[in-house]
């Protein structure tokens, strides 16, 4: 009976520690840690606890802003996290090649700064 109580206490402590430990993610080559839904984690994702990520020298992402208070909200599905009011929408500052196709089926060679990635002709 005493062994059963000890086992239950150990299991309860393990679950409590897991709940309190916050999970953050890093990219393979990055220097920042992110929430699970951050757009920078599109191609690679490595899981750490928040304390471990800080100990390894990672800093917080300025886009998703993970910290003790708001990473748990991002890990729950269908949770709306309000945007801060002082952020400005990003503009495409650098011209890139048009993503449209020419009549012959080749990619257009024009440059564009348009948000949709297409030049004036496409």
C-alpha atoms as a PDB file:
ATOM      1  CA  UNK A   1       0.000   0.000   0.000  1.00  0.00           C
ATOM      2  CA  UNK A   2       2.837   2.353   0.884  1.00  0.00           C
ATOM      3  CA  UNK A   3       4.578   1.548  -2.413  1.00  0.00           C
ATOM      4  CA  UNK A   4       1.371   2.402  -4.289  1.00  0.00           C
ATOM      5  CA  UNK A   5       1.165   5.795  -2.579  1.00  0.00           C
ATOM      6  CA  UNK A   6       4.779   6.537  -3.446  1.00  0.00           C
ATOM      7  CA  UNK A   7       4.151   5.550  -7.051  1.00  0.00           C
ATOM      8  CA  UNK A   8       1.089   7.825  -7.247  1.00  0.00           C
ATOM      9  CA  UNK A   9       3.051  10.748  -5.767  1.00  0.00           C
ATOM     10  CA  UNK A  10       5.847  10.248  -8.291  1.00  0.00           C
ATOM     11  CA  UNK A  11       3.373  10.092 -11.185  1.00  0.00           C
ATOM     12  CA  UNK A  12       1.537  13.203  -9.960  1.00  0.00           C
ATOM     13  CA  UNK A  13       4.822  15.087  -9.621  1.00  0.00           C
ATOM     14  CA  UNK A  14       5.863  14.065 -13.131  1.00  0.00           C
ATOM     15  CA  UNK A  15       2.602  15.300 -14.651  1.00  0.00           C
ATOM     16  CA  UNK A  16       2.712  18.538 -12.666  1.00  0.00           C
ATOM     17  CA  UNK A  17       6.274  19.174 -13.811  1.00  0.00           C
ATOM     18  CA  UNK A  18       5.297  18.520 -17.432  1.00  0.00           C
ATOM     19  CA  UNK A  19       2.373  20.918 -17.234  1.00  0.00           C
ATOM     20  CA  UNK A  20       4.476  23.659 -15.671  1.00  0.00           C
ATOM     21  CA  UNK A  21       7.338  23.231 -18.142  1.00  0.00           C
ATOM     22  CA  UNK A  22       6.669  25.411 -21.146  1.00  0.00           C
ATOM     23  CA  UNK A  23       7.526  24.065 -24.588  1.00  0.00           C
ATOM     24  CA  UNK A  24       9.105  26.362 -27.157  1.00  0.00           C
ATOM     25  CA  UNK A  25      10.564  25.554 -30.566  1.00  0.00           C
ATOM     26  CA  UNK A  26      13.704  26.542 -32.452  1.00  0.00           C
ATOM     27  CA  UNK A  27      14.788  26.134 -36.045  1.00  0.00           C
ATOM     28  CA  UNK A  28      17.833  24.093 -36.963  1.00  0.00           C
ATOM     29  CA  UNK A  29      19.952  27.155 -37.761  1.00  0.00           C
ATOM     30  CA  UNK A  30      18.141  29.943 -35.886  1.00  0.00           C
ATOM     31  CA  UNK A  31      19.044  31.871 -32.755  1.00  0.00           C
ATOM     32  CA  UNK A  32      15.473  32.485 -31.533  1.00  0.00           C
ATOM     33  CA  UNK A  33      12.795  30.370 -29.828  1.00  0.00           C
ATOM     34  CA  UNK A  34       9.194  30.428 -31.031  1.00  0.00           C
ATOM     35  CA  UNK A  35       5.633  29.351 -30.256  1.00  0.00           C
ATOM     36  CA  UNK A  36       4.400  26.251 -32.077  1.00  0.00           C
ATOM     37  CA  UNK A  37       2.278  28.297 -34.497  1.00  0.00           C
ATOM     38  CA  UNK A  38       4.996  30.803 -35.508  1.00  0.00           C
ATOM     39  CA  UNK A  39       5.461  31.287 -39.250  1.00  0.00           C
ATOM     40  CA  UNK A  40       9.246  30.902 -38.953  1.00  0.00           C
ATOM     41  CA  UNK A  41       8.848  27.238 -38.002  1.00  0.00           C
ATOM     42  CA  UNK A  42       7.533  26.316 -41.442  1.00  0.00           C
ATOM     43  CA  UNK A  43      10.463  24.116 -42.501  1.00  0.00           C
ATOM     44  CA  UNK A  44      12.161  22.943 -39.320  1.00  0.00           C
ATOM     45  CA  UNK A  45      11.165  22.615 -35.691  1.00  0.00           C
ATOM     46  CA  UNK A  46      13.157  21.474 -32.648  1.00  0.00           C
ATOM     47  CA  UNK A  47      11.394  21.206 -29.265  1.00  0.00           C
ATOM     48  CA  UNK A  48      12.851  22.564 -25.983  1.00  0.00           C
ATOM     49  CA  UNK A  49      11.540  23.728 -22.641  1.00  0.00           C
ATOM     50  CA  UNK A  50      11.665  27.490 -22.151  1.00  0.00           C
ATOM     51  CA  UNK A  51      14.331  27.245 -19.448  1.00  0.00           C
ATOM     52  CA  UNK A  52      16.506  24.968 -21.596  1.00  0.00           C
ATOM     53  CA  UNK A  53      16.200  27.283 -24.631  1.00  0.00           C
ATOM     54  CA  UNK A  54      17.246  30.283 -22.538  1.00  0.00           C
ATOM     55  CA  UNK A  55      20.150  28.301 -21.048  1.00  0.00           C
ATOM     56  CA  UNK A  56      21.336  27.411 -24.557  1.00  0.00           C
ATOM     57  CA  UNK A  57      21.453  31.100 -25.473  1.00  0.00           C
ATOM     58  CA  UNK A  58      18.307  31.386 -27.606  1.00  0.00           C
ATOM     59  CA  UNK A  59      16.345  34.629 -27.419  1.00  0.00           C
ATOM     60  CA  UNK A  60      12.603  35.224 -27.931  1.00  0.00           C
ATOM     61  CA  UNK A  61      11.144  35.703 -31.413  1.00  0.00           C
ATOM     62  CA  UNK A  62       9.919  39.249 -32.018  1.00  0.00           C
ATOM     63  CA  UNK A  63       7.029  38.043 -34.201  1.00  0.00           C
ATOM     64  CA  UNK A  64       5.278  35.458 -32.006  1.00  0.00           C
ATOM     65  CA  UNK A  65       6.664  36.816 -28.686  1.00  0.00           C
ATOM     66  CA  UNK A  66       6.875  33.603 -26.637  1.00  0.00           C
ATOM     67  CA  UNK A  67       7.155  34.042 -22.874  1.00  0.00           C
ATOM     68  CA  UNK A  68       5.771  32.444 -19.719  1.00  0.00           C
ATOM     69  CA  UNK A  69       2.382  34.120 -20.092  1.00  0.00           C
ATOM     70  CA  UNK A  70       1.394  33.528 -23.689  1.00  0.00           C
ATOM     71  CA  UNK A  71       2.950  30.357 -25.131  1.00  0.00           C
ATOM     72  CA  UNK A  72       0.388  28.101 -23.539  1.00  0.00           C
ATOM     73  CA  UNK A  73      -2.376  29.971 -25.382  1.00  0.00           C
ATOM     74  CA  UNK A  74      -0.692  29.376 -28.723  1.00  0.00           C
ATOM     75  CA  UNK A  75      -0.342  25.644 -28.160  1.00  0.00           C
ATOM     76  CA  UNK A  76      -4.094  25.253 -27.648  1.00  0.00           C
ATOM     77  CA  UNK A  77      -6.027  25.009 -30.929  1.00  0.00           C
ATOM     78  CA  UNK A  78      -8.528  27.717 -31.896  1.00  0.00           C
ATOM     79  CA  UNK A  79      -7.172  30.216 -29.383  1.00  0.00           C
ATOM     80  CA  UNK A  80      -7.151  33.817 -30.566  1.00  0.00           C
ATOM     81  CA  UNK A  81      -4.188  35.831 -29.374  1.00  0.00           C
ATOM     82  CA  UNK A  82      -4.778  39.570 -29.923  1.00  0.00           C
ATOM     83  CA  UNK A  83      -2.280  41.559 -31.969  1.00  0.00           C
ATOM     84  CA  UNK A  84      -0.591  44.473 -30.302  1.00  0.00           C
ATOM     85  CA  UNK A  85      -1.830  47.830 -31.554  1.00  0.00           C
ATOM     86  CA  UNK A  86       1.531  49.435 -32.292  1.00  0.00           C
ATOM     87  CA  UNK A  87       2.647  46.973 -34.976  1.00  0.00           C
ATOM     88  CA  UNK A  88       2.612  48.076 -38.584  1.00  0.00           C
ATOM     89  CA  UNK A  89       1.937  45.696 -41.442  1.00  0.00           C
ATOM     90  CA  UNK A  90       5.065  44.642 -43.248  1.00  0.00           C
ATOM     91  CA  UNK A  91       5.557  45.880 -46.785  1.00  0.00           C
ATOM     92  CA  UNK A  92       7.488  44.111 -49.475  1.00  0.00           C
ATOM     93  CA  UNK A  93      10.546  46.359 -49.778  1.00  0.00           C
ATOM     94  CA  UNK A  94      12.609  44.327 -52.218  1.00  0.00           C
ATOM     95  CA  UNK A  95      11.669  43.642 -55.818  1.00  0.00           C
ATOM     96  CA  UNK A  96      11.384  39.995 -56.769  1.00  0.00           C
ATOM     97  CA  UNK A  97      10.839  38.126 -59.990  1.00  0.00           C
ATOM     98  CA  UNK A  98       7.252  37.927 -61.225  1.00  0.00           C
ATOM     99  CA  UNK A  99       5.578  34.582 -60.573  1.00  0.00           C
ATOM    100  CA  UNK A 100       3.443  34.749 -63.730  1.00  0.00           C
ATOM    101  CA  UNK A 101       3.871  32.575 -66.829  1.00  0.00           C
ATOM    102  CA  UNK A 102       4.404  33.894 -70.340  1.00  0.00           C
ATOM    103  CA  UNK A 103       2.428  32.717 -73.347  1.00  0.00           C
ATOM    104  CA  UNK A 104       5.164  30.185 -74.175  1.00  0.00           C
ATOM    105  CA  UNK A 105       4.923  28.731 -70.645  1.00  0.00           C
ATOM    106  CA  UNK A 106       8.194  30.191 -69.296  1.00  0.00           C
ATOM    107  CA  UNK A 107       8.345  32.273 -66.116  1.00  0.00           C
ATOM    108  CA  UNK A 108       8.078  36.050 -66.557  1.00  0.00           C
ATOM    109  CA  UNK A 109      11.417  37.885 -66.241  1.00  0.00           C
ATOM    110  CA  UNK A 110      10.035  41.190 -64.935  1.00  0.00           C
ATOM    111  CA  UNK A 111      10.631  42.369 -61.357  1.00  0.00           C
ATOM    112  CA  UNK A 112       7.806  43.415 -59.056  1.00  0.00           C
ATOM    113  CA  UNK A 113       7.274  44.861 -55.593  1.00  0.00           C
ATOM    114  CA  UNK A 114       3.606  43.926 -55.662  1.00  0.00           C
ATOM    115  CA  UNK A 115       2.423  41.901 -52.665  1.00  0.00           C
ATOM    116  CA  UNK A 116       0.848  39.188 -54.819  1.00  0.00           C
ATOM    117  CA  UNK A 117       4.188  38.554 -56.584  1.00  0.00           C
ATOM    118  CA  UNK A 118       3.019  39.419 -60.109  1.00  0.00           C
ATOM    119  CA  UNK A 119       4.048  42.274 -62.394  1.00  0.00           C
ATOM    120  CA  UNK A 120       1.700  44.803 -64.034  1.00  0.00           C
ATOM    121  CA  UNK A 121       1.102  42.493 -66.997  1.00  0.00           C
ATOM    122  CA  UNK A 122       0.111  39.408 -65.012  1.00  0.00           C
END
